[in-house]
C-alpha atoms as a PDB file:
ATOM      1  CA  MET A   1      81.656  69.873  86.820  1.00  0.00           C
ATOM      2  CA  GLY A   2      78.543  71.816  85.943  1.00  0.00           C
ATOM      3  CA  MET A   3      74.829  71.363  86.357  1.00  0.00           C
ATOM      4  CA  LYS A   4      73.246  68.374  84.626  1.00  0.00           C
ATOM      5  CA  ILE A   5      70.056  69.140  82.737  1.00  0.00           C
ATOM      6  CA  ALA A   6      67.684  67.301  80.441  1.00  0.00           C
ATOM      7  CA  ILE A   7      66.329  69.117  77.405  1.00  0.00           C
ATOM      8  CA  SER A   8      64.304  68.214  74.340  1.00  0.00           C
ATOM      9  CA  VAL A   9      65.288  69.459  70.913  1.00  0.00           C
ATOM     10  CA  PRO A  10      63.852  68.651  67.496  1.00  0.00           C
ATOM     11  CA  ASP A  11      65.507  65.663  65.826  1.00  0.00           C
ATOM     12  CA  PRO A  12      67.067  67.713  62.983  1.00  0.00           C
ATOM     13  CA  VAL A  13      68.651  70.121  65.504  1.00  0.00           C
ATOM     14  CA  PHE A  14      70.000  67.216  67.552  1.00  0.00           C
ATOM     15  CA  GLU A  15      71.440  65.502  64.486  1.00  0.00           C
ATOM     16  CA  ALA A  16      73.083  68.704  63.257  1.00  0.00           C
ATOM     17  CA  ALA A  17      74.529  69.324  66.731  1.00  0.00           C
ATOM     18  CA  GLU A  18      75.895  65.782  66.906  1.00  0.00           C
ATOM     19  CA  ALA A  19      77.576  66.206  63.533  1.00  0.00           C
ATOM     20  CA  LEU A  20      79.065  69.568  64.527  1.00  0.00           C
ATOM     21  CA  ALA A  21      80.316  68.242  67.873  1.00  0.00           C
ATOM     22  CA  HIS A  22      82.004  65.374  66.046  1.00  0.00           C
ATOM     23  CA  GLU A  23      83.502  67.743  63.444  1.00  0.00           C
ATOM     24  CA  LEU A  24      84.840  70.094  66.130  1.00  0.00           C
ATOM     25  CA  LYS A  25      85.980  67.190  68.309  1.00  0.00           C
ATOM     26  CA  LEU A  26      83.868  68.440  71.216  1.00  0.00           C
ATOM     27  CA  SER A  27      81.671  66.546  73.600  1.00  0.00           C
ATOM     28  CA  ARG A  28      77.956  67.114  73.237  1.00  0.00           C
ATOM     29  CA  SER A  29      77.964  68.881  76.604  1.00  0.00           C
ATOM     30  CA  GLU A  30      80.776  71.225  75.564  1.00  0.00           C
ATOM     31  CA  LEU A  31      79.029  72.092  72.291  1.00  0.00           C
ATOM     32  CA  TYR A  32      75.741  72.868  74.020  1.00  0.00           C
ATOM     33  CA  ALA A  33      77.480  74.854  76.773  1.00  0.00           C
ATOM     34  CA  ARG A  34      79.370  76.952  74.208  1.00  0.00           C
ATOM     35  CA  ALA A  35      76.242  77.502  72.139  1.00  0.00           C
ATOM     36  CA  LEU A  36      74.236  78.606  75.165  1.00  0.00           C
ATOM     37  CA  ALA A  37      77.029  80.894  76.354  1.00  0.00           C
ATOM     38  CA  ALA A  38      77.239  82.500  72.901  1.00  0.00           C
ATOM     39  CA  TYR A  39      73.462  82.979  72.834  1.00  0.00           C
ATOM     40  CA  LEU A  40      73.450  84.558  76.277  1.00  0.00           C
ATOM     41  CA  ASP A  41      76.358  86.792  75.318  1.00  0.00           C
ATOM     42  CA  THR A  42      74.513  88.157  72.299  1.00  0.00           C
ATOM     43  CA  ARG A  43      71.106  88.449  73.944  1.00  0.00           C
ATOM     44  CA  GLY A  44      71.852  89.503  77.522  1.00  0.00           C
ATOM     45  CA  ALA A  45      71.617  92.999  78.962  1.00  0.00           C
ATOM     46  CA  ALA A  46      75.393  93.282  79.034  1.00  0.00           C
ATOM     47  CA  ALA A  47      75.488  92.661  75.284  1.00  0.00           C
ATOM     48  CA  VAL A  48      73.002  95.455  74.685  1.00  0.00           C
ATOM     49  CA  THR A  49      75.105  97.812  76.808  1.00  0.00           C
ATOM     50  CA  ARG A  50      78.280  96.821  74.916  1.00  0.00           C
ATOM     51  CA  LYS A  51      76.577  97.464  71.584  1.00  0.00           C
ATOM     52  CA  LEU A  52      75.258 100.848  72.674  1.00  0.00           C
ATOM     53  CA  ASN A  53      78.657 101.813  74.069  1.00  0.00           C
ATOM     54  CA  ALA A  54      80.265 100.854  70.762  1.00  0.00           C
ATOM     55  CA  VAL A  55      77.806 103.000  68.813  1.00  0.00           C
ATOM     56  CA  TYR A  56      78.272 106.053  70.996  1.00  0.00           C
ATOM     57  CA  ALA A  57      82.035 105.630  71.288  1.00  0.00           C
ATOM     58  CA  ASN A  58      82.399 106.123  67.544  1.00  0.00           C
ATOM     59  CA  ASP A  59      80.337 109.310  67.364  1.00  0.00           C
ATOM     60  CA  PRO A  60      79.982 110.923  70.768  1.00  0.00           C
ATOM     61  CA  GLN A  61      77.327 113.589  70.851  1.00  0.00           C
ATOM     62  CA  PRO A  62      77.361 116.191  73.613  1.00  0.00           C
ATOM     63  CA  LEU A  63      74.237 116.296  75.740  1.00  0.00           C
ATOM     64  CA  ASP A  64      72.047 119.341  75.732  1.00  0.00           C
ATOM     65  CA  PRO A  65      72.951 121.329  78.893  1.00  0.00           C
ATOM     66  CA  ALA A  66      69.261 121.691  79.829  1.00  0.00           C
ATOM     67  CA  LEU A  67      68.840 117.909  79.642  1.00  0.00           C
ATOM     68  CA  VAL A  68      71.916 117.361  81.815  1.00  0.00           C
ATOM     69  CA  ARG A  69      70.524 119.740  84.466  1.00  0.00           C
ATOM     70  CA  ALA A  70      67.108 118.047  84.401  1.00  0.00           C
ATOM     71  CA  GLN A  71      68.642 114.581  84.737  1.00  0.00           C
ATOM     72  CA  SER A  72      70.980 115.690  87.503  1.00  0.00           C
ATOM     73  CA  ALA A  73      68.101 117.230  89.446  1.00  0.00           C
ATOM     74  CA  THR A  74      66.203 113.928  89.477  1.00  0.00           C
ATOM     75  CA  LEU A  75      69.244 111.920  90.545  1.00  0.00           C
ATOM     76  CA  ASP A  76      69.799 113.942  93.696  1.00  0.00           C
ATOM     77  CA  ASP A  77      66.891 112.105  95.332  1.00  0.00           C
ATOM     78  CA  GLU A  78      68.005 108.631  94.294  1.00  0.00           C
ATOM     79  CA  ALA A  79      69.454 106.276  96.899  1.00  0.00           C
ATOM     80  CA  TRP A  80      72.350 104.419  95.246  1.00  0.00           C
END
């Protein structure tokens, strides 16, 4: 079982969600949980990283050697 919450949504959104839940044969809770998970998946930091990785995987560009040296020099002092 998950966390119970109370939210307010505009009437048209609620009515559309009720109709969709009925059409998909889902409980209201399941519909809202799936919708929120999908929203978080598309908007979260991990989603941004996945999208950037997909872009650069298709057309990898080598880094300028001077830039690599400059970046490496600054990382030596970082505590990971």
